[in-house]
Amino acid sequence: MPLSSIRKTPPLRLAAAMFLLCAQVVAPWSSTALAQLSVPPPLSKSDAELFPDERHEEKGWKGLARLLEALEPGVDTSIPLTPSQITDRISAMLDQGRAAEALAAIEKRQEQYASHVDPLGNDVQLMFLHARALAALQRHEAAIAIYRDMTQKYPELPEPWNNLAAEYVKTGRLEMARRSLEMALQANPEYRDARSNLGRVQLLLAEESFRAAEAVR
């Protein structure tokens, strides 16, 4: 890149533009394919609390059967969504730009976990999506807190390290971003996004040093 173009480019604006392309949006440990969401099953009562806006109109004899069932007492026979199906739905919301709805679903899901005496366990994907939703809503410090928590609990996962670096860049903490990306590559040396992002951060750090040197002349 020519030095003249470096001097004219606001570093943080350049950084934000770069990292919008390289932040991990779908964690690889999500097991359910998003393609399965095209024809979703009827939601159970607990799942309907997570996704209140989902209504699936049924036509033909199935719709009539449902109508008749509603006229007589019964029990909820719908099969609850699996944790991976829930997180896949939330991920789809984020991909569609529905960050506020996704955050509401995540918070309700967390309440469901808290209400169980023996919860299903830490939902890593839900934590990851929680941070994604907060970042999309420009709540960067809250997103950073979750990503940092993930790196402490699951240091072997490179994706939280990578996205933590992206948030650090957006808030002007380039050196912390560099260290986070180095940790991502330590967890997975073949992680291309982290390696690409590290090169960008090193370029931004060099630009910062160049500007500092120019300022003292």
C-alpha atoms as a PDB file:
ATOM      1  CA  MET A   1       0.000   0.000   0.000  1.00  0.00           C
ATOM      2  CA  PRO A   2       1.507   3.419  -0.879  1.00  0.00           C
ATOM      3  CA  LEU A   3       2.559   5.489   2.108  1.00  0.00           C
ATOM      4  CA  SER A   4       0.413   8.378   0.925  1.00  0.00           C
ATOM      5  CA  SER A   5      -2.722   6.265   1.131  1.00  0.00           C
ATOM      6  CA  ILE A   6      -1.808   5.076   4.620  1.00  0.00           C
ATOM      7  CA  ARG A   7      -1.485   8.633   5.838  1.00  0.00           C
ATOM      8  CA  LYS A   8      -4.910   9.603   4.549  1.00  0.00           C
ATOM      9  CA  THR A   9      -6.846   6.622   5.909  1.00  0.00           C
ATOM     10  CA  PRO A  10      -8.355   6.918   9.419  1.00  0.00           C
ATOM     11  CA  PRO A  11      -6.959   3.782  11.130  1.00  0.00           C
ATOM     12  CA  LEU A  12     -10.005   2.763  13.121  1.00  0.00           C
ATOM     13  CA  ARG A  13     -12.370   3.244  10.172  1.00  0.00           C
ATOM     14  CA  LEU A  14     -10.050   1.078   8.073  1.00  0.00           C
ATOM     15  CA  ALA A  15      -9.886  -1.491  10.837  1.00  0.00           C
ATOM     16  CA  ALA A  16     -13.631  -1.730  11.228  1.00  0.00           C
ATOM     17  CA  ALA A  17     -14.074  -2.201   7.494  1.00  0.00           C
ATOM     18  CA  MET A  18     -11.468  -4.957   7.460  1.00  0.00           C
ATOM     19  CA  PHE A  19     -12.877  -6.885  10.353  1.00  0.00           C
ATOM     20  CA  LEU A  20     -16.433  -6.845   9.129  1.00  0.00           C
ATOM     21  CA  LEU A  21     -15.252  -9.396   6.584  1.00  0.00           C
ATOM     22  CA  CYS A  22     -13.303 -11.612   8.927  1.00  0.00           C
ATOM     23  CA  ALA A  23     -15.218 -11.972  12.188  1.00  0.00           C
ATOM     24  CA  GLN A  24     -16.462 -15.521  12.640  1.00  0.00           C
ATOM     25  CA  VAL A  25     -20.263 -15.574  12.340  1.00  0.00           C
ATOM     26  CA  VAL A  26     -20.999 -19.315  12.427  1.00  0.00           C
ATOM     27  CA  ALA A  27     -19.085 -21.320  14.966  1.00  0.00           C
ATOM     28  CA  PRO A  28     -17.977 -24.705  13.580  1.00  0.00           C
ATOM     29  CA  TRP A  29     -19.228 -26.610  16.600  1.00  0.00           C
ATOM     30  CA  SER A  30     -22.845 -25.889  15.579  1.00  0.00           C
ATOM     31  CA  SER A  31     -24.109 -29.297  14.467  1.00  0.00           C
ATOM     32  CA  THR A  32     -27.515 -28.626  12.863  1.00  0.00           C
ATOM     33  CA  ALA A  33     -27.542 -27.445   9.247  1.00  0.00           C
ATOM     34  CA  LEU A  34     -29.365 -24.176   8.619  1.00  0.00           C
ATOM     35  CA  ALA A  35     -31.015 -25.767   5.614  1.00  0.00           C
ATOM     36  CA  GLN A  36     -33.173 -27.763   8.001  1.00  0.00           C
ATOM     37  CA  LEU A  37     -34.823 -24.524   9.117  1.00  0.00           C
ATOM     38  CA  SER A  38     -36.676 -24.086   5.844  1.00  0.00           C
ATOM     39  CA  VAL A  39     -39.587 -26.238   7.032  1.00  0.00           C
ATOM     40  CA  PRO A  40     -39.590 -25.879  10.831  1.00  0.00           C
ATOM     41  CA  PRO A  41     -41.786 -28.104  12.990  1.00  0.00           C
ATOM     42  CA  PRO A  42     -44.481 -26.705  15.300  1.00  0.00           C
ATOM     43  CA  LEU A  43     -42.887 -25.166  18.367  1.00  0.00           C
ATOM     44  CA  SER A  44     -43.357 -26.522  21.869  1.00  0.00           C
ATOM     45  CA  LYS A  45     -44.635 -24.167  24.547  1.00  0.00           C
ATOM     46  CA  SER A  46     -41.150 -23.440  25.912  1.00  0.00           C
ATOM     47  CA  ASP A  47     -39.724 -22.898  22.428  1.00  0.00           C
ATOM     48  CA  ALA A  48     -42.589 -20.591  21.498  1.00  0.00           C
ATOM     49  CA  GLU A  49     -41.460 -18.357  24.375  1.00  0.00           C
ATOM     50  CA  LEU A  50     -38.078 -18.037  22.664  1.00  0.00           C
ATOM     51  CA  PHE A  51     -39.505 -17.335  19.209  1.00  0.00           C
ATOM     52  CA  PRO A  52     -42.878 -15.623  19.784  1.00  0.00           C
ATOM     53  CA  ASP A  53     -43.048 -14.184  16.270  1.00  0.00           C
ATOM     54  CA  GLU A  54     -42.911 -17.553  14.532  1.00  0.00           C
ATOM     55  CA  ARG A  55     -46.294 -18.705  13.319  1.00  0.00           C
ATOM     56  CA  HIS A  56     -46.570 -21.532  10.817  1.00  0.00           C
ATOM     57  CA  GLU A  57     -49.857 -21.578   8.945  1.00  0.00           C
ATOM     58  CA  GLU A  58     -51.068 -25.082   8.137  1.00  0.00           C
ATOM     59  CA  LYS A  59     -53.452 -25.719   5.286  1.00  0.00           C
ATOM     60  CA  GLY A  60     -55.480 -28.684   4.084  1.00  0.00           C
ATOM     61  CA  TRP A  61     -56.434 -31.571   6.320  1.00  0.00           C
ATOM     62  CA  LYS A  62     -53.571 -30.924   8.754  1.00  0.00           C
ATOM     63  CA  GLY A  63     -54.845 -27.440   9.437  1.00  0.00           C
ATOM     64  CA  LEU A  64     -58.355 -28.791   9.989  1.00  0.00           C
ATOM     65  CA  ALA A  65     -57.041 -31.445  12.356  1.00  0.00           C
ATOM     66  CA  ARG A  66     -55.218 -28.809  14.366  1.00  0.00           C
ATOM     67  CA  LEU A  67     -58.369 -26.711  14.557  1.00  0.00           C
ATOM     68  CA  LEU A  68     -60.400 -29.688  15.834  1.00  0.00           C
ATOM     69  CA  GLU A  69     -57.731 -30.547  18.394  1.00  0.00           C
ATOM     70  CA  ALA A  70     -57.869 -26.999  19.697  1.00  0.00           C
ATOM     71  CA  LEU A  71     -61.583 -27.411  20.464  1.00  0.00           C
ATOM     72  CA  GLU A  72     -61.039 -30.217  22.944  1.00  0.00           C
ATOM     73  CA  PRO A  73     -58.759 -30.536  25.979  1.00  0.00           C
ATOM     74  CA  GLY A  74     -55.358 -32.075  25.352  1.00  0.00           C
ATOM     75  CA  VAL A  75     -51.672 -31.905  26.078  1.00  0.00           C
ATOM     76  CA  ASP A  76     -48.752 -30.371  24.227  1.00  0.00           C
ATOM     77  CA  THR A  77     -47.380 -33.190  22.091  1.00  0.00           C
ATOM     78  CA  SER A  78     -44.925 -31.106  20.082  1.00  0.00           C
ATOM     79  CA  ILE A  79     -41.270 -32.160  20.326  1.00  0.00           C
ATOM     80  CA  PRO A  80     -39.050 -29.491  21.914  1.00  0.00           C
ATOM     81  CA  LEU A  81     -36.214 -28.167  19.813  1.00  0.00           C
ATOM     82  CA  THR A  82     -32.740 -29.461  20.576  1.00  0.00           C
ATOM     83  CA  PRO A  83     -30.162 -26.948  21.857  1.00  0.00           C
ATOM     84  CA  SER A  84     -28.438 -26.959  18.457  1.00  0.00           C
ATOM     85  CA  GLN A  85     -31.737 -26.291  16.664  1.00  0.00           C
ATOM     86  CA  ILE A  86     -32.411 -23.346  18.964  1.00  0.00           C
ATOM     87  CA  THR A  87     -28.984 -21.833  18.418  1.00  0.00           C
ATOM     88  CA  ASP A  88     -29.277 -22.349  14.670  1.00  0.00           C
ATOM     89  CA  ARG A  89     -32.550 -20.373  14.662  1.00  0.00           C
ATOM     90  CA  ILE A  90     -30.912 -17.597  16.643  1.00  0.00           C
ATOM     91  CA  SER A  91     -27.916 -17.612  14.296  1.00  0.00           C
ATOM     92  CA  ALA A  92     -30.297 -17.261  11.346  1.00  0.00           C
ATOM     93  CA  MET A  93     -31.870 -14.221  13.042  1.00  0.00           C
ATOM     94  CA  LEU A  94     -28.457 -12.587  13.345  1.00  0.00           C
ATOM     95  CA  ASP A  95     -27.645 -13.352   9.717  1.00  0.00           C
ATOM     96  CA  GLN A  96     -30.905 -11.623   8.776  1.00  0.00           C
ATOM     97  CA  GLY A  97     -29.992  -8.496  10.760  1.00  0.00           C
ATOM     98  CA  ARG A  98     -32.525  -9.199  13.537  1.00  0.00           C
ATOM     99  CA  ALA A  99     -30.032  -8.671  16.345  1.00  0.00           C
ATOM    100  CA  ALA A 100     -32.514  -7.299  18.887  1.00  0.00           C
ATOM    101  CA  GLU A 101     -34.855 -10.284  18.402  1.00  0.00           C
ATOM    102  CA  ALA A 102     -31.922 -12.664  18.634  1.00  0.00           C
ATOM    103  CA  LEU A 103     -30.754 -11.065  21.869  1.00  0.00           C
ATOM    104  CA  ALA A 104     -34.255 -11.378  23.362  1.00  0.00           C
ATOM    105  CA  ALA A 105     -34.354 -15.080  22.450  1.00  0.00           C
ATOM    106  CA  ILE A 106     -30.903 -15.626  23.940  1.00  0.00           C
ATOM    107  CA  GLU A 107     -31.862 -13.963  27.215  1.00  0.00           C
ATOM    108  CA  LYS A 108     -35.042 -16.066  27.456  1.00  0.00           C
ATOM    109  CA  ARG A 109     -33.018 -19.191  26.753  1.00  0.00           C
ATOM    110  CA  GLN A 110     -30.627 -18.262  29.535  1.00  0.00           C
ATOM    111  CA  GLU A 111     -33.602 -17.879  31.866  1.00  0.00           C
ATOM    112  CA  GLN A 112     -34.737 -21.387  30.901  1.00  0.00           C
ATOM    113  CA  TYR A 113     -31.306 -22.761  31.760  1.00  0.00           C
ATOM    114  CA  ALA A 114     -31.317 -20.943  35.101  1.00  0.00           C
ATOM    115  CA  SER A 115     -34.748 -22.336  36.033  1.00  0.00           C
ATOM    116  CA  HIS A 116     -33.542 -25.943  35.866  1.00  0.00           C
ATOM    117  CA  VAL A 117     -32.092 -27.524  38.989  1.00  0.00           C
ATOM    118  CA  ASP A 118     -29.780 -29.568  36.759  1.00  0.00           C
ATOM    119  CA  PRO A 119     -29.377 -27.507  33.577  1.00  0.00           C
ATOM    120  CA  LEU A 120     -28.193 -29.085  30.359  1.00  0.00           C
ATOM    121  CA  GLY A 121     -24.798 -27.490  30.811  1.00  0.00           C
ATOM    122  CA  ASN A 122     -22.946 -24.534  29.403  1.00  0.00           C
ATOM    123  CA  ASP A 123     -24.173 -23.907  25.884  1.00  0.00           C
ATOM    124  CA  VAL A 124     -21.011 -22.727  24.138  1.00  0.00           C
ATOM    125  CA  GLN A 125     -22.816 -21.799  20.945  1.00  0.00           C
ATOM    126  CA  LEU A 126     -25.359 -19.723  22.885  1.00  0.00           C
ATOM    127  CA  MET A 127     -22.539 -17.765  24.525  1.00  0.00           C
ATOM    128  CA  PHE A 128     -20.966 -17.153  21.137  1.00  0.00           C
ATOM    129  CA  LEU A 129     -24.260 -15.937  19.666  1.00  0.00           C
ATOM    130  CA  HIS A 130     -24.861 -13.744  22.709  1.00  0.00           C
ATOM    131  CA  ALA A 131     -21.604 -11.921  22.042  1.00  0.00           C
ATOM    132  CA  ARG A 132     -22.423 -11.675  18.328  1.00  0.00           C
ATOM    133  CA  ALA A 133     -25.813 -10.119  19.085  1.00  0.00           C
ATOM    134  CA  LEU A 134     -24.312  -7.574  21.461  1.00  0.00           C
ATOM    135  CA  ALA A 135     -21.625  -6.643  18.933  1.00  0.00           C
ATOM    136  CA  ALA A 136     -24.265  -6.186  16.228  1.00  0.00           C
ATOM    137  CA  LEU A 137     -26.096  -3.790  18.561  1.00  0.00           C
ATOM    138  CA  GLN A 138     -22.869  -1.799  19.063  1.00  0.00           C
ATOM    139  CA  ARG A 139     -22.581  -2.965  22.680  1.00  0.00           C
ATOM    140  CA  HIS A 140     -18.903  -3.706  22.227  1.00  0.00           C
ATOM    141  CA  GLU A 141     -17.801  -3.792  25.863  1.00  0.00           C
ATOM    142  CA  ALA A 142     -20.518  -6.319  26.730  1.00  0.00           C
ATOM    143  CA  ALA A 143     -19.507  -8.442  23.735  1.00  0.00           C
ATOM    144  CA  ILE A 144     -15.865  -8.263  24.803  1.00  0.00           C
ATOM    145  CA  ALA A 145     -16.771  -9.455  28.297  1.00  0.00           C
ATOM    146  CA  ILE A 146     -18.468 -12.572  26.905  1.00  0.00           C
ATOM    147  CA  TYR A 147     -15.716 -13.355  24.416  1.00  0.00           C
ATOM    148  CA  ARG A 148     -13.129 -13.000  27.181  1.00  0.00           C
ATOM    149  CA  ASP A 149     -15.159 -15.326  29.394  1.00  0.00           C
ATOM    150  CA  MET A 150     -15.239 -17.850  26.552  1.00  0.00           C
ATOM    151  CA  THR A 151     -11.476 -17.636  26.040  1.00  0.00           C
ATOM    152  CA  GLN A 152     -10.973 -18.399  29.725  1.00  0.00           C
ATOM    153  CA  LYS A 153     -13.396 -21.319  29.794  1.00  0.00           C
ATOM    154  CA  TYR A 154     -12.608 -22.698  26.343  1.00  0.00           C
ATOM    155  CA  PRO A 155      -9.096 -21.495  25.405  1.00  0.00           C
ATOM    156  CA  GLU A 156      -8.820 -24.270  22.829  1.00  0.00           C
ATOM    157  CA  LEU A 157     -11.506 -22.638  20.633  1.00  0.00           C
ATOM    158  CA  PRO A 158      -9.940 -20.138  18.199  1.00  0.00           C
ATOM    159  CA  GLU A 159     -13.179 -18.417  17.117  1.00  0.00           C
ATOM    160  CA  PRO A 160     -13.811 -16.496  20.369  1.00  0.00           C
ATOM    161  CA  TRP A 161     -10.197 -15.278  20.290  1.00  0.00           C
ATOM    162  CA  ASN A 162     -10.666 -14.065  16.706  1.00  0.00           C
ATOM    163  CA  ASN A 163     -13.923 -12.245  17.413  1.00  0.00           C
ATOM    164  CA  LEU A 164     -12.484 -10.775  20.607  1.00  0.00           C
ATOM    165  CA  ALA A 165      -9.715  -9.298  18.449  1.00  0.00           C
ATOM    166  CA  ALA A 166     -12.302  -7.832  16.086  1.00  0.00           C
ATOM    167  CA  GLU A 167     -14.009  -6.091  19.007  1.00  0.00           C
ATOM    168  CA  TYR A 168     -10.681  -4.790  20.284  1.00  0.00           C
ATOM    169  CA  VAL A 169      -9.950  -3.268  16.869  1.00  0.00           C
ATOM    170  CA  LYS A 170     -13.353  -1.585  16.791  1.00  0.00           C
ATOM    171  CA  THR A 171     -12.576   0.009  20.156  1.00  0.00           C
ATOM    172  CA  GLY A 172      -9.023   1.034  19.226  1.00  0.00           C
ATOM    173  CA  ARG A 173      -7.059  -1.550  21.224  1.00  0.00           C
ATOM    174  CA  LEU A 174      -4.759  -2.830  18.486  1.00  0.00           C
ATOM    175  CA  GLU A 175      -2.098  -4.390  20.695  1.00  0.00           C
ATOM    176  CA  MET A 176      -4.709  -6.404  22.590  1.00  0.00           C
ATOM    177  CA  ALA A 177      -6.170  -7.455  19.244  1.00  0.00           C
ATOM    178  CA  ARG A 178      -2.759  -8.686  18.120  1.00  0.00           C
ATOM    179  CA  ARG A 179      -2.309 -10.784  21.262  1.00  0.00           C
ATOM    180  CA  SER A 180      -5.801 -12.266  20.896  1.00  0.00           C
ATOM    181  CA  LEU A 181      -5.104 -13.287  17.295  1.00  0.00           C
ATOM    182  CA  GLU A 182      -1.836 -14.889  18.319  1.00  0.00           C
ATOM    183  CA  MET A 183      -3.807 -16.937  20.865  1.00  0.00           C
ATOM    184  CA  ALA A 184      -6.285 -17.930  18.150  1.00  0.00           C
ATOM    185  CA  LEU A 185      -3.416 -19.202  16.012  1.00  0.00           C
ATOM    186  CA  GLN A 186      -1.904 -20.982  18.967  1.00  0.00           C
ATOM    187  CA  ALA A 187      -5.211 -22.807  19.395  1.00  0.00           C
ATOM    188  CA  ASN A 188      -5.419 -23.565  15.665  1.00  0.00           C
ATOM    189  CA  PRO A 189      -2.406 -22.709  13.465  1.00  0.00           C
ATOM    190  CA  GLU A 190      -4.508 -23.457  10.351  1.00  0.00           C
ATOM    191  CA  TYR A 191      -7.191 -20.877  11.174  1.00  0.00           C
ATOM    192  CA  ARG A 192      -7.066 -18.684   8.057  1.00  0.00           C
ATOM    193  CA  ASP A 193      -9.307 -15.871   9.305  1.00  0.00           C
ATOM    194  CA  ALA A 194      -7.103 -15.311  12.338  1.00  0.00           C
ATOM    195  CA  ARG A 195      -3.922 -15.353  10.238  1.00  0.00           C
ATOM    196  CA  SER A 196      -5.428 -12.889   7.765  1.00  0.00           C
ATOM    197  CA  ASN A 197      -6.655 -10.649  10.575  1.00  0.00           C
ATOM    198  CA  LEU A 198      -3.257 -10.744  12.262  1.00  0.00           C
ATOM    199  CA  GLY A 199      -1.679  -9.413   9.071  1.00  0.00           C
ATOM    200  CA  ARG A 200      -4.207  -6.571   9.011  1.00  0.00           C
ATOM    201  CA  VAL A 201      -3.601  -5.703  12.645  1.00  0.00           C
ATOM    202  CA  GLN A 202       0.151  -5.688  12.110  1.00  0.00           C
ATOM    203  CA  LEU A 203      -0.376  -3.295   9.209  1.00  0.00           C
ATOM    204  CA  LEU A 204      -2.495  -1.033  11.412  1.00  0.00           C
ATOM    205  CA  LEU A 205       0.131  -1.118  14.161  1.00  0.00           C
ATOM    206  CA  ALA A 206       2.781  -0.171  11.619  1.00  0.00           C
ATOM    207  CA  GLU A 207       0.561   2.673  10.428  1.00  0.00           C
ATOM    208  CA  GLU A 208       0.138   3.823  14.026  1.00  0.00           C
ATOM    209  CA  SER A 209       3.912   3.816  14.549  1.00  0.00           C
ATOM    210  CA  PHE A 210       4.418   5.708  11.299  1.00  0.00           C
ATOM    211  CA  ARG A 211       1.942   8.401  12.345  1.00  0.00           C
ATOM    212  CA  ALA A 212       3.637   8.696  15.754  1.00  0.00           C
ATOM    213  CA  ALA A 213       7.014   9.131  14.102  1.00  0.00           C
ATOM    214  CA  GLU A 214       5.603  11.757  11.745  1.00  0.00           C
ATOM    215  CA  ALA A 215       4.093  13.650  14.678  1.00  0.00           C
ATOM    216  CA  VAL A 216       7.463  14.186  16.405  1.00  0.00           C
ATOM    217  CA  ARG A 217       9.157  15.566  13.269  1.00  0.00           C
END
